Amino acid sequence: MISVITASVRPEFLEIVKRCLERQTIDDWEWIVVSPFEYKPAIWVSDPPMREGDFYRLNGAWNKGIRKAEGDLFVSIVDGLWFPPDTLERLLNHYKANPKSCITCVGNQYDQMLYNKPEHLVWSDPRIQAGGTFRKVTADEMELCIASIPMQAIIDVGGFDEEFDHYAALSEKEMCHRIGKLGYEFYLDQTIEYRAIHHPRLSKDWDKRYFAGVEYYQKCLQGIEAGTRLNLDFVNRS
């Protein structure tokens, strides 16, 4: 039922994900790691090659993992995360209860590891709100550190826009805007809380590339609202 996809360039950050997956309360899932290095414990898919002008190949990696996946539910889990044993079960239950639901989870950052679990809080997720554990959110609030999206929705809009590989971030939100046009809804489940190992940016140019991508992101949103931008045809699992 579930295809867990992790795009990674940090092999040392995959073991904590592996340990958490091994403790899951359900076993109807596959784990696909898209990376430049071979990772035997998972279904390994090699990174797509860098193209001229690329900052990274995250979106190309997601799309390549999706083409390899066999599950009905895409679950993104980034490297360096600890998460509870019932995480996949809860995400699957959301999908079964509402096949049009896309779920994002909350997570804080910690700078120490004690007994295989991040400790010592250094950053809190600003999306966490008091007075409720499950609420509807906008596409702009979707974060894919740990999140689930019906695979059919991703296929129907053609996957992640690989033009965003010239920039940094925002691609998951842009894709969710396209998915929203198909009637899918977005929710934040605060009961699923992951813990991230705090680490510096992979590149000192990250902020520069992020702000360079904002203009492209705004153009994408205009096309989505105008109805001229829906299926980009980056993935096809048929």
Protein backbone atom coordinates (compact mmCIF):
# COMPACT_ATOMS: atom_id res chain seq x y z
CA MET A 1 0.00 0.00 0.00
CA ILE A 2 2.76 2.49 0.94
CA SER A 3 5.85 3.60 -0.95
CA VAL A 4 8.22 5.43 1.38
CA ILE A 5 10.63 7.53 -0.66
CA THR A 6 13.77 9.13 0.76
CA ALA A 7 16.02 11.28 -1.39
CA SER A 8 19.40 11.58 0.29
CA VAL A 9 22.98 12.73 -0.22
CA ARG A 10 23.92 11.99 3.42
CA PRO A 11 24.50 8.25 3.98
CA GLU A 12 25.14 8.78 7.69
CA PHE A 13 21.59 10.16 8.08
CA LEU A 14 19.85 7.08 6.68
CA GLU A 15 20.43 4.68 9.57
CA ILE A 16 18.07 6.49 11.94
CA VAL A 17 15.32 6.27 9.29
CA LYS A 18 16.06 2.58 8.80
CA ARG A 19 15.75 1.88 12.53
CA CYS A 20 12.44 3.75 12.76
CA LEU A 21 11.02 1.92 9.74
CA GLU A 22 11.99 -1.43 11.24
CA ARG A 23 9.84 -0.62 14.28
CA GLN A 24 6.68 0.29 12.36
CA THR A 25 3.41 -1.32 13.47
CA ILE A 26 2.50 -2.31 9.91
CA ASP A 27 4.59 -4.00 7.23
CA ASP A 28 2.69 -3.24 4.02
CA TRP A 29 5.28 -0.79 2.70
CA GLU A 30 8.41 -0.52 0.59
CA TRP A 31 11.32 1.85 1.13
CA ILE A 32 12.95 3.49 -1.86
CA VAL A 33 16.14 5.48 -1.39
CA VAL A 34 17.23 7.72 -4.26
CA SER A 35 20.86 8.69 -3.76
CA PRO A 36 24.27 8.94 -5.46
CA PHE A 37 25.54 6.05 -3.30
CA GLU A 38 24.21 2.51 -3.16
CA TYR A 39 22.18 1.77 -0.02
CA LYS A 40 21.47 -1.95 0.30
CA PRO A 41 18.84 -2.02 3.11
CA ALA A 42 16.38 -0.22 0.82
CA ILE A 43 15.33 -0.40 -2.81
CA TRP A 44 18.11 1.75 -4.20
CA VAL A 45 17.61 4.10 -7.15
CA SER A 46 20.58 6.10 -8.43
CA ASP A 47 20.35 9.87 -8.49
CA PRO A 48 19.40 11.42 -11.84
CA PRO A 49 22.36 13.25 -13.39
CA MET A 50 22.83 16.95 -12.78
CA ARG A 51 21.92 19.22 -15.68
CA GLU A 52 23.30 22.60 -16.63
CA GLY A 53 21.99 25.21 -14.22
CA ASP A 54 20.86 22.73 -11.55
CA PHE A 55 21.34 23.58 -7.88
CA TYR A 56 20.40 20.05 -6.89
CA ARG A 57 18.32 17.16 -8.28
CA LEU A 58 15.80 16.70 -5.47
CA ASN A 59 12.74 16.90 -7.70
CA GLY A 60 14.28 14.65 -10.30
CA ALA A 61 15.07 12.19 -7.50
CA TRP A 62 11.49 12.27 -6.18
CA ASN A 63 10.13 11.67 -9.67
CA LYS A 64 12.56 8.82 -10.32
CA GLY A 65 11.57 7.20 -7.02
CA ILE A 66 7.89 7.56 -7.86
CA ARG A 67 8.41 5.86 -11.22
CA LYS A 68 9.98 2.93 -9.36
CA ALA A 69 7.30 2.82 -6.64
CA GLU A 70 4.47 0.28 -6.56
CA GLY A 71 2.38 1.66 -3.68
CA ASP A 72 -0.93 3.49 -3.66
CA LEU A 73 0.25 6.03 -1.09
CA PHE A 74 3.41 8.13 -1.45
CA VAL A 75 5.04 8.82 1.90
CA SER A 76 7.98 11.20 1.92
CA ILE A 77 10.47 10.74 4.75
CA VAL A 78 13.67 12.76 4.57
CA ASP A 79 16.93 11.54 6.04
CA GLY A 80 18.01 12.36 9.58
CA LEU A 81 14.55 11.90 11.13
CA TRP A 82 13.27 9.94 14.11
CA PHE A 83 9.54 9.15 14.01
CA PRO A 84 7.07 7.10 16.09
CA PRO A 85 6.41 3.39 15.43
CA ASP A 86 2.80 4.01 14.35
CA THR A 87 3.59 6.76 11.83
CA LEU A 88 2.91 4.72 8.68
CA GLU A 89 -0.18 3.14 10.21
CA ARG A 90 -1.65 6.54 11.03
CA LEU A 91 -0.92 7.92 7.56
CA LEU A 92 -2.48 4.86 5.97
CA ASN A 93 -5.58 5.22 8.16
CA HIS A 94 -5.98 8.82 7.00
CA TYR A 95 -5.81 7.64 3.39
CA LYS A 96 -8.35 4.88 3.97
CA ALA A 97 -10.74 7.27 5.72
CA ASN A 98 -10.36 9.93 3.01
CA PRO A 99 -8.64 8.91 -0.25
CA LYS A 100 -8.54 12.60 -1.23
CA SER A 101 -6.49 13.62 1.81
CA CYS A 102 -2.86 14.71 1.84
CA ILE A 103 -1.26 14.74 5.28
CA THR A 104 1.71 16.73 6.57
CA CYS A 105 3.21 16.09 10.00
CA VAL A 106 4.99 18.32 12.51
CA GLY A 107 8.57 18.17 13.63
CA ASN A 108 11.07 20.00 15.77
CA GLN A 109 14.86 20.07 15.52
CA TYR A 110 17.30 18.77 18.12
CA ASP A 111 21.09 18.95 18.30
CA GLN A 112 21.98 15.84 20.32
CA MET A 113 21.48 12.10 19.90
CA LEU A 114 20.72 10.05 23.02
CA TYR A 115 19.84 6.35 22.73
CA ASN A 116 19.17 6.69 18.98
CA LYS A 117 16.71 9.55 19.48
CA PRO A 118 17.31 13.29 18.90
CA GLU A 119 17.20 15.32 22.10
CA HIS A 120 17.81 18.92 23.25
CA LEU A 121 15.34 21.11 21.36
CA VAL A 122 16.83 23.96 19.31
CA TRP A 123 13.98 24.81 16.88
CA SER A 124 10.19 24.42 16.98
CA ASP A 125 7.86 23.90 14.03
CA PRO A 126 5.96 27.20 13.60
CA ARG A 127 2.91 25.35 12.24
CA ILE A 128 2.14 23.81 15.64
CA GLN A 129 -0.97 25.38 17.16
CA ALA A 130 -2.59 25.00 20.55
CA GLY A 131 -6.17 23.84 20.86
CA GLY A 132 -6.23 21.15 18.18
CA THR A 133 -4.35 18.19 16.80
CA PHE A 134 -5.77 17.86 13.28
CA ARG A 135 -6.67 20.75 11.02
CA LYS A 136 -7.06 21.63 7.40
CA VAL A 137 -4.16 23.59 5.90
CA THR A 138 -3.28 25.22 2.60
CA ALA A 139 -0.95 23.86 -0.04
CA ASP A 140 1.64 26.42 1.10
CA GLU A 141 1.74 24.75 4.54
CA MET A 142 2.58 21.32 3.15
CA GLU A 143 6.06 20.18 4.17
CA LEU A 144 7.44 16.85 2.99
CA CYS A 145 9.79 16.01 5.85
CA ILE A 146 7.14 13.42 6.67
CA ALA A 147 3.97 13.60 4.61
CA SER A 148 1.61 11.41 2.62
CA ILE A 149 0.01 12.09 -0.76
CA PRO A 150 -2.12 9.62 -2.75
CA MET A 151 0.07 8.33 -5.56
CA GLN A 152 -2.70 8.75 -8.11
CA ALA A 153 -2.81 12.47 -7.39
CA ILE A 154 0.91 12.80 -8.11
CA ILE A 155 0.58 10.81 -11.33
CA ASP A 156 -2.45 12.83 -12.47
CA VAL A 157 -0.52 16.11 -12.21
CA GLY A 158 2.70 14.71 -13.67
CA GLY A 159 4.84 14.78 -10.53
CA PHE A 160 7.26 17.40 -9.27
CA ASP A 161 8.36 20.19 -11.58
CA GLU A 162 12.07 19.57 -12.20
CA GLU A 163 12.56 23.19 -13.20
CA PHE A 164 12.65 23.82 -9.43
CA ASP A 165 15.95 21.92 -9.33
CA HIS A 166 17.50 25.17 -10.55
CA TYR A 167 16.37 26.76 -7.28
CA ALA A 168 15.79 25.60 -3.69
CA ALA A 169 12.50 24.52 -2.06
CA LEU A 170 8.88 25.47 -2.99
CA SER A 171 8.39 22.62 -5.48
CA GLU A 172 6.30 20.50 -3.09
CA LYS A 173 3.97 23.42 -2.48
CA GLU A 174 3.63 24.10 -6.21
CA MET A 175 2.73 20.48 -6.87
CA CYS A 176 0.20 20.54 -4.04
CA HIS A 177 -1.47 23.59 -5.61
CA ARG A 178 -1.93 21.52 -8.79
CA ILE A 179 -3.21 18.57 -6.78
CA GLY A 180 -5.67 20.84 -5.02
CA LYS A 181 -7.27 21.64 -8.37
CA LEU A 182 -8.25 17.96 -8.59
CA GLY A 183 -10.22 18.13 -5.35
CA TYR A 184 -7.58 16.84 -2.94
CA GLU A 185 -7.41 18.38 0.54
CA PHE A 186 -4.48 19.10 2.84
CA TYR A 187 -4.30 18.44 6.56
CA LEU A 188 -1.79 18.85 9.36
CA ASP A 189 -1.73 16.02 11.92
CA GLN A 190 0.02 17.26 15.05
CA THR A 191 -0.25 13.84 16.68
CA ILE A 192 2.44 12.57 14.28
CA GLU A 193 5.55 14.35 15.50
CA TYR A 194 8.97 13.56 14.10
CA ARG A 195 12.32 14.69 15.46
CA ALA A 196 14.98 16.08 13.12
CA ILE A 197 18.71 16.13 13.68
CA HIS A 198 19.76 19.75 13.36
CA HIS A 199 22.29 20.25 10.59
CA PRO A 200 23.59 23.14 8.48
CA ARG A 201 22.49 23.83 4.93
CA LEU A 202 24.07 21.63 2.32
CA SER A 203 25.17 24.76 0.46
CA LYS A 204 25.89 28.33 1.51
CA ASP A 205 23.96 29.41 -1.62
CA TRP A 206 20.67 27.91 -0.40
CA ASP A 207 19.05 31.21 0.59
CA LYS A 208 20.15 32.86 -2.66
CA ARG A 209 18.67 30.02 -4.72
CA TYR A 210 15.48 30.05 -2.65
CA PHE A 211 14.76 33.72 -3.30
CA ALA A 212 15.67 33.28 -6.97
CA GLY A 213 12.94 30.62 -7.15
CA VAL A 214 10.21 32.74 -5.60
CA GLU A 215 9.59 34.57 -8.88
CA TYR A 216 9.27 31.29 -10.78
CA TYR A 217 6.96 29.94 -8.08
CA GLN A 218 4.66 32.95 -8.43
CA LYS A 219 4.50 32.45 -12.20
CA CYS A 220 3.58 28.81 -11.63
CA LEU A 221 0.74 29.79 -9.30
CA GLN A 222 -0.62 32.20 -11.90
CA GLY A 223 -0.70 29.41 -14.46
CA ILE A 224 -2.42 27.05 -12.02
CA GLU A 225 -5.09 29.62 -11.22
CA ALA A 226 -5.60 30.30 -14.93
CA GLY A 227 -6.06 26.58 -15.56
CA THR A 228 -3.15 26.39 -17.99
CA ARG A 229 -0.79 24.47 -15.73
CA LEU A 230 -1.88 21.10 -14.36
CA ASN A 231 -0.18 18.00 -15.75
CA LEU A 232 3.54 18.45 -16.34
CA ASP A 233 4.11 14.81 -17.37
CA PHE A 234 7.31 14.23 -15.37
CA VAL A 235 6.14 10.83 -14.10
CA ASN A 236 4.32 7.95 -15.72
CA ARG A 237 4.08 4.58 -13.97
CA SER A 238 2.06 2.83 -16.71
